[in-house]
Amino acid sequence: MAQPLMPKATAVWLVDNTALTFDQIADFCGLHNLEVQAIADGEVAPGMQGLDPTANGQLEKEEIARCEADPVGRMEMAKPTVPLPKVRQKGARYTPISKRQDRPDAIAWLLRSYPELSDAQISRLIGTTKPTINAIRDKTHRNSATIKPQSPVYLGLCAAPDLEKMITIARARAGTTHTPTQPLPPIAATEPANEQAPMPPQPKPAPEAAPTAEEVFGASTAPADKEEEPQIKSEDVFGPAPTAKPDAAAEDTSEPEAEVKVTPEEVSEATADKSEGA
């Protein structure tokens, strides 16, 4: 159902100037009945100027009177007296200027991926011309060296449903259908005719002993029997230690020497000898 211009302003005018129910106004303006109730309470669109739908030819006064008498009835839009704009005829799709440089990439992708598409279908799908399609097919386009095939859906030149529709029509005309590849059936496992005898258990190898220091660094080069060096004593360096003198108070165990008696004659002779020698 067509909706009036400025639905909230129209609802404001209908609430203020008619006795229609909230449901009737909401159905005519395309709003929720709670939103219409909030407009009546002043919670939504406060201070908005109402728009008279009868003044611009969207609604007739007889239709308002009919629905005021029948709360269950619904209002219908009046037939417009102003001529409506004509529907645009089918033709080449308009392509924005910012995306026109991407059309050769999209055409190359379609020619490579879906050769069953006709030139007219590609023209309507992307918005190009047949000479451009032929130039890209024959590789005589001025940008043939830099063309990189890309999907027109990825480039934003067309929608995916439109592309699928064109492909379906082209395959129907060519009499070819695209059937997905079926998975291969599972391979049945067959039992071997001659079962191999189980291998006997092999003995575990004995753990290797840890290497000794002689095996790693080699045998010691020191002689087995080493002669003992003579020890040097202090008596050999400093001589024998002096003996302690015997204490005078100690008892003398030696035998006393015999006394020698000198006579006066011997004394006189000794004195005479000394005088002669002097």
C-alpha atoms as a PDB file:
ATOM      1  CA  MET A   1       0.000   0.000   0.000  1.00  0.00           C
ATOM      2  CA  ALA A   2       1.252   3.485  -0.909  1.00  0.00           C
ATOM      3  CA  GLN A   3       1.988   5.798   1.975  1.00  0.00           C
ATOM      4  CA  PRO A   4       1.377   9.553   2.097  1.00  0.00           C
ATOM      5  CA  LEU A   5       4.141  12.109   1.981  1.00  0.00           C
ATOM      6  CA  MET A   6       5.462  13.128   5.394  1.00  0.00           C
ATOM      7  CA  PRO A   7       3.572  10.431   7.345  1.00  0.00           C
ATOM      8  CA  LYS A   8       4.210  11.894  10.813  1.00  0.00           C
ATOM      9  CA  ALA A   9       2.992  15.366   9.807  1.00  0.00           C
ATOM     10  CA  THR A  10      -0.097  13.752   8.229  1.00  0.00           C
ATOM     11  CA  ALA A  11      -0.719  11.778  11.432  1.00  0.00           C
ATOM     12  CA  VAL A  12      -0.450  14.987  13.477  1.00  0.00           C
ATOM     13  CA  TRP A  13      -3.115  16.648  11.301  1.00  0.00           C
ATOM     14  CA  LEU A  14      -5.434  13.613  11.436  1.00  0.00           C
ATOM     15  CA  VAL A  15      -5.134  13.386  15.231  1.00  0.00           C
ATOM     16  CA  ASP A  16      -5.921  17.087  15.670  1.00  0.00           C
ATOM     17  CA  ASN A  17      -8.702  17.457  13.072  1.00  0.00           C
ATOM     18  CA  THR A  18     -10.513  14.099  12.833  1.00  0.00           C
ATOM     19  CA  ALA A  19     -12.172  11.519  15.059  1.00  0.00           C
ATOM     20  CA  LEU A  20     -10.344   8.575  13.528  1.00  0.00           C
ATOM     21  CA  THR A  21      -8.944   5.846  15.766  1.00  0.00           C
ATOM     22  CA  PHE A  22      -5.267   5.346  16.337  1.00  0.00           C
ATOM     23  CA  ASP A  23      -5.342   2.086  14.374  1.00  0.00           C
ATOM     24  CA  GLN A  24      -6.916   3.774  11.322  1.00  0.00           C
ATOM     25  CA  ILE A  25      -4.378   6.606  11.345  1.00  0.00           C
ATOM     26  CA  ALA A  26      -1.480   4.181  11.880  1.00  0.00           C
ATOM     27  CA  ASP A  27      -2.648   1.980   8.980  1.00  0.00           C
ATOM     28  CA  PHE A  28      -3.012   4.953   6.619  1.00  0.00           C
ATOM     29  CA  CYS A  29       0.314   6.596   7.550  1.00  0.00           C
ATOM     30  CA  GLY A  30       2.329   3.377   7.883  1.00  0.00           C
ATOM     31  CA  LEU A  31       3.126   3.937  11.566  1.00  0.00           C
ATOM     32  CA  HIS A  32       2.662   1.908  14.723  1.00  0.00           C
ATOM     33  CA  ASN A  33      -0.486   2.546  16.744  1.00  0.00           C
ATOM     34  CA  LEU A  34       1.639   3.219  19.864  1.00  0.00           C
ATOM     35  CA  GLU A  35       3.578   5.841  17.905  1.00  0.00           C
ATOM     36  CA  VAL A  36       0.303   7.514  16.894  1.00  0.00           C
ATOM     37  CA  GLN A  37      -0.798   7.426  20.534  1.00  0.00           C
ATOM     38  CA  ALA A  38       2.493   9.042  21.560  1.00  0.00           C
ATOM     39  CA  ILE A  39       1.898  11.767  18.931  1.00  0.00           C
ATOM     40  CA  ALA A  40      -1.543  12.396  20.459  1.00  0.00           C
ATOM     41  CA  ASP A  41       0.022  12.621  23.946  1.00  0.00           C
ATOM     42  CA  GLY A  42       2.673  15.052  22.720  1.00  0.00           C
ATOM     43  CA  GLU A  43       5.584  12.702  23.436  1.00  0.00           C
ATOM     44  CA  VAL A  44       6.556  12.259  19.783  1.00  0.00           C
ATOM     45  CA  ALA A  45       7.023  15.096  17.278  1.00  0.00           C
ATOM     46  CA  PRO A  46       6.053  17.914  19.673  1.00  0.00           C
ATOM     47  CA  GLY A  47       5.432  21.197  17.925  1.00  0.00           C
ATOM     48  CA  MET A  48       5.358  19.615  14.439  1.00  0.00           C
ATOM     49  CA  GLN A  49       3.130  21.377  11.922  1.00  0.00           C
ATOM     50  CA  GLY A  50       0.413  19.072  10.623  1.00  0.00           C
ATOM     51  CA  LEU A  51       0.017  18.375   6.887  1.00  0.00           C
ATOM     52  CA  ASP A  52      -3.488  18.268   5.433  1.00  0.00           C
ATOM     53  CA  PRO A  53      -3.738  15.203   3.133  1.00  0.00           C
ATOM     54  CA  THR A  54      -6.946  16.513   1.548  1.00  0.00           C
ATOM     55  CA  ALA A  55      -5.240  19.714   0.383  1.00  0.00           C
ATOM     56  CA  ASN A  56      -2.558  17.940  -1.661  1.00  0.00           C
ATOM     57  CA  GLY A  57      -4.939  15.335  -3.098  1.00  0.00           C
ATOM     58  CA  GLN A  58      -3.713  12.333  -1.106  1.00  0.00           C
ATOM     59  CA  LEU A  59      -7.037  11.763   0.721  1.00  0.00           C
ATOM     60  CA  GLU A  60     -10.662  12.702   0.102  1.00  0.00           C
ATOM     61  CA  LYS A  61     -12.952  14.156   2.755  1.00  0.00           C
ATOM     62  CA  GLU A  62     -15.641  11.546   1.981  1.00  0.00           C
ATOM     63  CA  GLU A  63     -13.147   8.830   2.850  1.00  0.00           C
ATOM     64  CA  ILE A  64     -12.465  10.461   6.235  1.00  0.00           C
ATOM     65  CA  ALA A  65     -16.192  10.718   6.983  1.00  0.00           C
ATOM     66  CA  ARG A  66     -16.750   7.076   6.013  1.00  0.00           C
ATOM     67  CA  CYS A  67     -14.019   5.813   8.338  1.00  0.00           C
ATOM     68  CA  GLU A  68     -15.174   8.046  11.204  1.00  0.00           C
ATOM     69  CA  ALA A  69     -18.561   6.358  11.046  1.00  0.00           C
ATOM     70  CA  ASP A  70     -16.990   2.865  10.770  1.00  0.00           C
ATOM     71  CA  PRO A  71     -14.119   2.358  13.300  1.00  0.00           C
ATOM     72  CA  VAL A  72     -13.232  -0.922  11.606  1.00  0.00           C
ATOM     73  CA  GLY A  73     -12.902   0.600   8.128  1.00  0.00           C
ATOM     74  CA  ARG A  74      -9.598   1.555   6.584  1.00  0.00           C
ATOM     75  CA  MET A  75      -8.870   4.644   4.494  1.00  0.00           C
ATOM     76  CA  GLU A  76      -7.543   4.365   0.952  1.00  0.00           C
ATOM     77  CA  MET A  77      -5.324   6.761  -0.929  1.00  0.00           C
ATOM     78  CA  ALA A  78      -7.006   8.951  -3.534  1.00  0.00           C
ATOM     79  CA  LYS A  79      -6.076   8.472  -7.155  1.00  0.00           C
ATOM     80  CA  PRO A  80      -3.434  11.049  -8.070  1.00  0.00           C
ATOM     81  CA  THR A  81      -4.406  13.723 -10.594  1.00  0.00           C
ATOM     82  CA  VAL A  82      -0.770  14.618 -11.290  1.00  0.00           C
ATOM     83  CA  PRO A  83       0.853  12.385 -13.938  1.00  0.00           C
ATOM     84  CA  LEU A  84       3.311   9.988 -12.392  1.00  0.00           C
ATOM     85  CA  PRO A  85       6.880   9.706 -13.732  1.00  0.00           C
ATOM     86  CA  LYS A  86       7.356   7.009 -16.306  1.00  0.00           C
ATOM     87  CA  VAL A  87       9.241   3.883 -15.460  1.00  0.00           C
ATOM     88  CA  ARG A  88      12.740   3.915 -16.886  1.00  0.00           C
ATOM     89  CA  GLN A  89      13.065   1.703 -19.917  1.00  0.00           C
ATOM     90  CA  LYS A  90      15.448  -1.219 -19.838  1.00  0.00           C
ATOM     91  CA  GLY A  91      18.872  -0.434 -21.151  1.00  0.00           C
ATOM     92  CA  ALA A  92      22.490  -0.365 -20.253  1.00  0.00           C
ATOM     93  CA  ARG A  93      23.115  -0.351 -16.534  1.00  0.00           C
ATOM     94  CA  TYR A  94      24.508   2.890 -15.185  1.00  0.00           C
ATOM     95  CA  THR A  95      28.002   2.493 -13.782  1.00  0.00           C
ATOM     96  CA  PRO A  96      29.474   5.110 -11.446  1.00  0.00           C
ATOM     97  CA  ILE A  97      32.482   6.975 -12.742  1.00  0.00           C
ATOM     98  CA  SER A  98      34.669   5.687  -9.906  1.00  0.00           C
ATOM     99  CA  LYS A  99      34.071   2.066 -10.998  1.00  0.00           C
ATOM    100  CA  ARG A 100      34.192   2.386 -14.763  1.00  0.00           C
ATOM    101  CA  GLN A 101      37.891   1.565 -14.901  1.00  0.00           C
ATOM    102  CA  ASP A 102      37.064  -1.827 -13.327  1.00  0.00           C
ATOM    103  CA  ARG A 103      34.736  -2.930 -16.121  1.00  0.00           C
ATOM    104  CA  PRO A 104      37.481  -4.479 -18.321  1.00  0.00           C
ATOM    105  CA  ASP A 105      38.548  -6.705 -15.408  1.00  0.00           C
ATOM    106  CA  ALA A 106      34.943  -7.837 -14.866  1.00  0.00           C
ATOM    107  CA  ILE A 107      34.391  -8.498 -18.591  1.00  0.00           C
ATOM    108  CA  ALA A 108      37.567 -10.592 -18.782  1.00  0.00           C
ATOM    109  CA  TRP A 109      36.439 -12.617 -15.760  1.00  0.00           C
ATOM    110  CA  LEU A 110      32.991 -13.293 -17.248  1.00  0.00           C
ATOM    111  CA  LEU A 111      34.443 -14.306 -20.622  1.00  0.00           C
ATOM    112  CA  ARG A 112      36.832 -16.726 -18.950  1.00  0.00           C
ATOM    113  CA  SER A 113      34.491 -18.177 -16.303  1.00  0.00           C
ATOM    114  CA  TYR A 114      31.163 -18.219 -18.171  1.00  0.00           C
ATOM    115  CA  PRO A 115      31.709 -18.361 -21.941  1.00  0.00           C
ATOM    116  CA  GLU A 116      28.028 -19.238 -22.453  1.00  0.00           C
ATOM    117  CA  LEU A 117      27.011 -15.659 -21.596  1.00  0.00           C
ATOM    118  CA  SER A 118      26.119 -13.571 -24.648  1.00  0.00           C
ATOM    119  CA  ASP A 119      27.448 -10.095 -25.311  1.00  0.00           C
ATOM    120  CA  ALA A 120      24.011  -8.607 -24.710  1.00  0.00           C
ATOM    121  CA  GLN A 121      23.776 -10.233 -21.285  1.00  0.00           C
ATOM    122  CA  ILE A 122      27.218  -8.980 -20.291  1.00  0.00           C
ATOM    123  CA  SER A 123      26.275  -5.494 -21.512  1.00  0.00           C
ATOM    124  CA  ARG A 124      23.119  -5.427 -19.407  1.00  0.00           C
ATOM    125  CA  LEU A 125      24.872  -6.937 -16.420  1.00  0.00           C
ATOM    126  CA  ILE A 126      27.848  -4.575 -16.253  1.00  0.00           C
ATOM    127  CA  GLY A 127      26.741  -1.601 -18.352  1.00  0.00           C
ATOM    128  CA  THR A 128      29.229  -1.784 -21.189  1.00  0.00           C
ATOM    129  CA  THR A 129      29.133  -1.972 -24.987  1.00  0.00           C
ATOM    130  CA  LYS A 130      29.660  -4.835 -27.425  1.00  0.00           C
ATOM    131  CA  PRO A 131      32.761  -3.280 -29.098  1.00  0.00           C
ATOM    132  CA  THR A 132      34.452  -3.194 -25.675  1.00  0.00           C
ATOM    133  CA  ILE A 133      33.587  -6.850 -25.071  1.00  0.00           C
ATOM    134  CA  ASN A 134      34.936  -7.861 -28.489  1.00  0.00           C
ATOM    135  CA  ALA A 135      38.133  -5.862 -27.926  1.00  0.00           C
ATOM    136  CA  ILE A 136      38.763  -7.610 -24.596  1.00  0.00           C
ATOM    137  CA  ARG A 137      37.996 -11.008 -26.141  1.00  0.00           C
ATOM    138  CA  ASP A 138      40.398 -10.386 -29.049  1.00  0.00           C
ATOM    139  CA  LYS A 139      42.983  -8.779 -26.704  1.00  0.00           C
ATOM    140  CA  THR A 140      43.000  -5.587 -28.747  1.00  0.00           C
ATOM    141  CA  HIS A 141      41.851  -3.385 -25.877  1.00  0.00           C
ATOM    142  CA  ARG A 142      44.178  -0.516 -24.993  1.00  0.00           C
ATOM    143  CA  ASN A 143      44.538  -1.869 -21.436  1.00  0.00           C
ATOM    144  CA  SER A 144      45.002  -5.529 -22.360  1.00  0.00           C
ATOM    145  CA  ALA A 145      48.432  -5.646 -20.709  1.00  0.00           C
ATOM    146  CA  THR A 146      47.081  -4.518 -17.337  1.00  0.00           C
ATOM    147  CA  ILE A 147      43.740  -6.354 -17.252  1.00  0.00           C
ATOM    148  CA  LYS A 148      43.351  -8.662 -14.242  1.00  0.00           C
ATOM    149  CA  PRO A 149      40.145 -10.773 -14.321  1.00  0.00           C
ATOM    150  CA  GLN A 150      38.046 -10.151 -11.197  1.00  0.00           C
ATOM    151  CA  SER A 151      34.469 -10.987 -10.262  1.00  0.00           C
ATOM    152  CA  PRO A 152      31.982  -8.150 -10.976  1.00  0.00           C
ATOM    153  CA  VAL A 153      30.268  -8.950  -7.688  1.00  0.00           C
ATOM    154  CA  TYR A 154      33.538  -8.366  -5.836  1.00  0.00           C
ATOM    155  CA  LEU A 155      34.088  -5.130  -7.762  1.00  0.00           C
ATOM    156  CA  GLY A 156      30.560  -3.916  -6.961  1.00  0.00           C
ATOM    157  CA  LEU A 157      29.424  -3.713 -10.597  1.00  0.00           C
ATOM    158  CA  CYS A 158      26.478  -6.071 -10.170  1.00  0.00           C
ATOM    159  CA  ALA A 159      24.658  -8.108  -7.538  1.00  0.00           C
ATOM    160  CA  ALA A 160      25.118 -11.821  -7.028  1.00  0.00           C
ATOM    161  CA  PRO A 161      21.413 -12.689  -7.678  1.00  0.00           C
ATOM    162  CA  ASP A 162      21.511 -10.834 -11.015  1.00  0.00           C
ATOM    163  CA  LEU A 163      24.657 -12.719 -12.053  1.00  0.00           C
ATOM    164  CA  GLU A 164      23.150 -16.083 -11.112  1.00  0.00           C
ATOM    165  CA  LYS A 165      19.975 -15.260 -13.027  1.00  0.00           C
ATOM    166  CA  MET A 166      21.936 -14.370 -16.169  1.00  0.00           C
ATOM    167  CA  ILE A 167      24.000 -17.560 -15.910  1.00  0.00           C
ATOM    168  CA  THR A 168      20.858 -19.684 -15.502  1.00  0.00           C
ATOM    169  CA  ILE A 169      19.249 -18.117 -18.580  1.00  0.00           C
ATOM    170  CA  ALA A 170      22.415 -18.550 -20.666  1.00  0.00           C
ATOM    171  CA  ARG A 171      22.753 -22.221 -19.725  1.00  0.00           C
ATOM    172  CA  ALA A 172      19.101 -22.871 -20.438  1.00  0.00           C
ATOM    173  CA  ARG A 173      19.519 -21.406 -23.920  1.00  0.00           C
ATOM    174  CA  ALA A 174      22.691 -23.381 -24.553  1.00  0.00           C
ATOM    175  CA  GLY A 175      21.078 -26.587 -23.263  1.00  0.00           C
ATOM    176  CA  THR A 176      23.729 -27.176 -20.634  1.00  0.00           C
ATOM    177  CA  THR A 177      23.062 -27.596 -16.960  1.00  0.00           C
ATOM    178  CA  HIS A 178      25.548 -27.196 -14.181  1.00  0.00           C
ATOM    179  CA  THR A 179      25.489 -30.311 -12.024  1.00  0.00           C
ATOM    180  CA  PRO A 180      27.686 -30.492  -8.995  1.00  0.00           C
ATOM    181  CA  THR A 181      30.306 -33.182  -9.038  1.00  0.00           C
ATOM    182  CA  GLN A 182      29.249 -36.313  -7.187  1.00  0.00           C
ATOM    183  CA  PRO A 183      31.614 -37.673  -4.569  1.00  0.00           C
ATOM    184  CA  LEU A 184      33.374 -40.906  -5.386  1.00  0.00           C
ATOM    185  CA  PRO A 185      31.930 -44.042  -3.753  1.00  0.00           C
ATOM    186  CA  PRO A 186      33.843 -45.311  -0.742  1.00  0.00           C
ATOM    187  CA  ILE A 187      36.426 -47.979  -1.457  1.00  0.00           C
ATOM    188  CA  ALA A 188      35.534 -51.317   0.130  1.00  0.00           C
ATOM    189  CA  ALA A 189      38.315 -52.711   2.247  1.00  0.00           C
ATOM    190  CA  THR A 190      39.247 -56.269   1.242  1.00  0.00           C
ATOM    191  CA  GLU A 191      40.951 -58.699   3.553  1.00  0.00           C
ATOM    192  CA  PRO A 192      44.366 -59.991   2.381  1.00  0.00           C
ATOM    193  CA  ALA A 193      44.460 -63.614   1.162  1.00  0.00           C
ATOM    194  CA  ASN A 194      47.573 -64.598   3.078  1.00  0.00           C
ATOM    195  CA  GLU A 195      47.950 -63.047   6.440  1.00  0.00           C
ATOM    196  CA  GLN A 196      51.506 -62.393   7.403  1.00  0.00           C
ATOM    197  CA  ALA A 197      52.788 -64.066  10.524  1.00  0.00           C
ATOM    198  CA  PRO A 198      53.447 -61.705  13.383  1.00  0.00           C
ATOM    199  CA  MET A 199      57.052 -60.741  13.839  1.00  0.00           C
ATOM    200  CA  PRO A 200      58.762 -62.299  16.893  1.00  0.00           C
ATOM    201  CA  PRO A 201      59.497 -59.869  19.643  1.00  0.00           C
ATOM    202  CA  GLN A 202      63.036 -58.597  19.460  1.00  0.00           C
ATOM    203  CA  PRO A 203      65.131 -58.571  22.657  1.00  0.00           C
ATOM    204  CA  LYS A 204      65.746 -55.231  24.140  1.00  0.00           C
ATOM    205  CA  PRO A 205      69.392 -54.093  23.917  1.00  0.00           C
ATOM    206  CA  ALA A 206      71.314 -54.055  27.176  1.00  0.00           C
ATOM    207  CA  PRO A 207      71.931 -50.609  28.567  1.00  0.00           C
ATOM    208  CA  GLU A 208      75.421 -49.332  27.840  1.00  0.00           C
ATOM    209  CA  ALA A 209      77.742 -48.709  30.790  1.00  0.00           C
ATOM    210  CA  ALA A 210      78.743 -45.170  31.483  1.00  0.00           C
ATOM    211  CA  PRO A 211      82.299 -44.368  30.225  1.00  0.00           C
ATOM    212  CA  THR A 212      85.012 -43.926  32.810  1.00  0.00           C
ATOM    213  CA  ALA A 213      87.355 -40.963  33.172  1.00  0.00           C
ATOM    214  CA  GLU A 214      90.288 -43.003  31.787  1.00  0.00           C
ATOM    215  CA  GLU A 215      88.267 -43.817  28.624  1.00  0.00           C
ATOM    216  CA  VAL A 216      87.327 -40.188  28.072  1.00  0.00           C
ATOM    217  CA  PHE A 217      90.602 -38.407  29.009  1.00  0.00           C
ATOM    218  CA  GLY A 218      93.077 -41.237  28.422  1.00  0.00           C
ATOM    219  CA  ALA A 219      95.365 -43.138  30.829  1.00  0.00           C
ATOM    220  CA  SER A 220      97.273 -41.164  33.456  1.00  0.00           C
ATOM    221  CA  THR A 221     100.893 -40.338  32.507  1.00  0.00           C
ATOM    222  CA  ALA A 222     102.178 -40.212  36.154  1.00  0.00           C
ATOM    223  CA  PRO A 223     104.650 -42.989  37.099  1.00  0.00           C
ATOM    224  CA  ALA A 224     103.200 -45.818  39.107  1.00  0.00           C
ATOM    225  CA  ASP A 225     105.998 -46.063  41.704  1.00  0.00           C
ATOM    226  CA  LYS A 226     107.468 -42.712  42.598  1.00  0.00           C
ATOM    227  CA  GLU A 227     110.620 -42.592  44.775  1.00  0.00           C
ATOM    228  CA  GLU A 228     110.141 -40.847  48.046  1.00  0.00           C
ATOM    229  CA  GLU A 229     112.245 -37.712  48.360  1.00  0.00           C
ATOM    230  CA  PRO A 230     114.429 -37.520  51.517  1.00  0.00           C
ATOM    231  CA  GLN A 231     113.146 -35.183  54.129  1.00  0.00           C
ATOM    232  CA  ILE A 232     115.480 -32.321  55.108  1.00  0.00           C
ATOM    233  CA  LYS A 233     115.913 -31.817  58.847  1.00  0.00           C
ATOM    234  CA  SER A 234     116.639 -28.568  60.618  1.00  0.00           C
ATOM    235  CA  GLU A 235     119.966 -29.975  61.975  1.00  0.00           C
ATOM    236  CA  ASP A 236     121.215 -30.327  58.353  1.00  0.00           C
ATOM    237  CA  VAL A 237     120.510 -26.627  57.655  1.00  0.00           C
ATOM    238  CA  PHE A 238     121.261 -24.857  60.969  1.00  0.00           C
ATOM    239  CA  GLY A 239     123.577 -27.375  62.546  1.00  0.00           C
ATOM    240  CA  PRO A 240     123.249 -29.229  65.823  1.00  0.00           C
ATOM    241  CA  ALA A 241     121.423 -27.442  68.568  1.00  0.00           C
ATOM    242  CA  PRO A 242     123.601 -26.220  71.526  1.00  0.00           C
ATOM    243  CA  THR A 243     123.509 -28.416  74.609  1.00  0.00           C
ATOM    244  CA  ALA A 244     122.221 -26.964  77.846  1.00  0.00           C
ATOM    245  CA  LYS A 245     124.820 -26.210  80.582  1.00  0.00           C
ATOM    246  CA  PRO A 246     124.539 -28.358  83.668  1.00  0.00           C
ATOM    247  CA  ASP A 247     123.079 -26.677  86.661  1.00  0.00           C
ATOM    248  CA  ALA A 248     125.619 -25.767  89.316  1.00  0.00           C
ATOM    249  CA  ALA A 249     123.340 -27.050  91.962  1.00  0.00           C
ATOM    250  CA  ALA A 250     123.081 -30.378  90.219  1.00  0.00           C
ATOM    251  CA  GLU A 251     124.939 -33.219  91.807  1.00  0.00           C
ATOM    252  CA  ASP A 252     128.293 -33.991  90.143  1.00  0.00           C
ATOM    253  CA  THR A 253     128.449 -37.685  89.624  1.00  0.00           C
ATOM    254  CA  SER A 254     132.019 -37.599  88.189  1.00  0.00           C
ATOM    255  CA  GLU A 255     134.908 -38.791  90.367  1.00  0.00           C
ATOM    256  CA  PRO A 256     136.990 -36.017  92.044  1.00  0.00           C
ATOM    257  CA  GLU A 257     140.483 -35.486  90.586  1.00  0.00           C
ATOM    258  CA  ALA A 258     143.530 -36.148  92.770  1.00  0.00           C
ATOM    259  CA  GLU A 259     145.141 -33.092  94.342  1.00  0.00           C
ATOM    260  CA  VAL A 260     148.660 -32.155  93.079  1.00  0.00           C
ATOM    261  CA  LYS A 261     151.034 -30.890  95.750  1.00  0.00           C
ATOM    262  CA  VAL A 262     153.700 -28.265  94.769  1.00  0.00           C
ATOM    263  CA  THR A 263     156.883 -27.994  96.796  1.00  0.00           C
ATOM    264  CA  PRO A 264     158.741 -24.712  97.441  1.00  0.00           C
ATOM    265  CA  GLU A 265     161.748 -25.944  95.483  1.00  0.00           C
ATOM    266  CA  GLU A 266     159.560 -26.367  92.341  1.00  0.00           C
ATOM    267  CA  VAL A 267     158.152 -22.893  92.782  1.00  0.00           C
ATOM    268  CA  SER A 268     161.578 -21.317  93.027  1.00  0.00           C
ATOM    269  CA  GLU A 269     162.817 -23.172  89.974  1.00  0.00           C
ATOM    270  CA  ALA A 270     159.830 -22.037  87.912  1.00  0.00           C
ATOM    271  CA  THR A 271     160.446 -18.453  88.940  1.00  0.00           C
ATOM    272  CA  ALA A 272     164.117 -18.684  87.989  1.00  0.00           C
ATOM    273  CA  ASP A 273     163.230 -20.036  84.565  1.00  0.00           C
ATOM    274  CA  LYS A 274     160.888 -17.124  83.869  1.00  0.00           C
ATOM    275  CA  SER A 275     163.460 -14.570  84.844  1.00  0.00           C
ATOM    276  CA  GLU A 276     166.050 -16.087  82.565  1.00  0.00           C
ATOM    277  CA  GLY A 277     163.721 -16.140  79.667  1.00  0.00           C
ATOM    278  CA  ALA A 278     162.861 -12.466  80.175  1.00  0.00           C
END
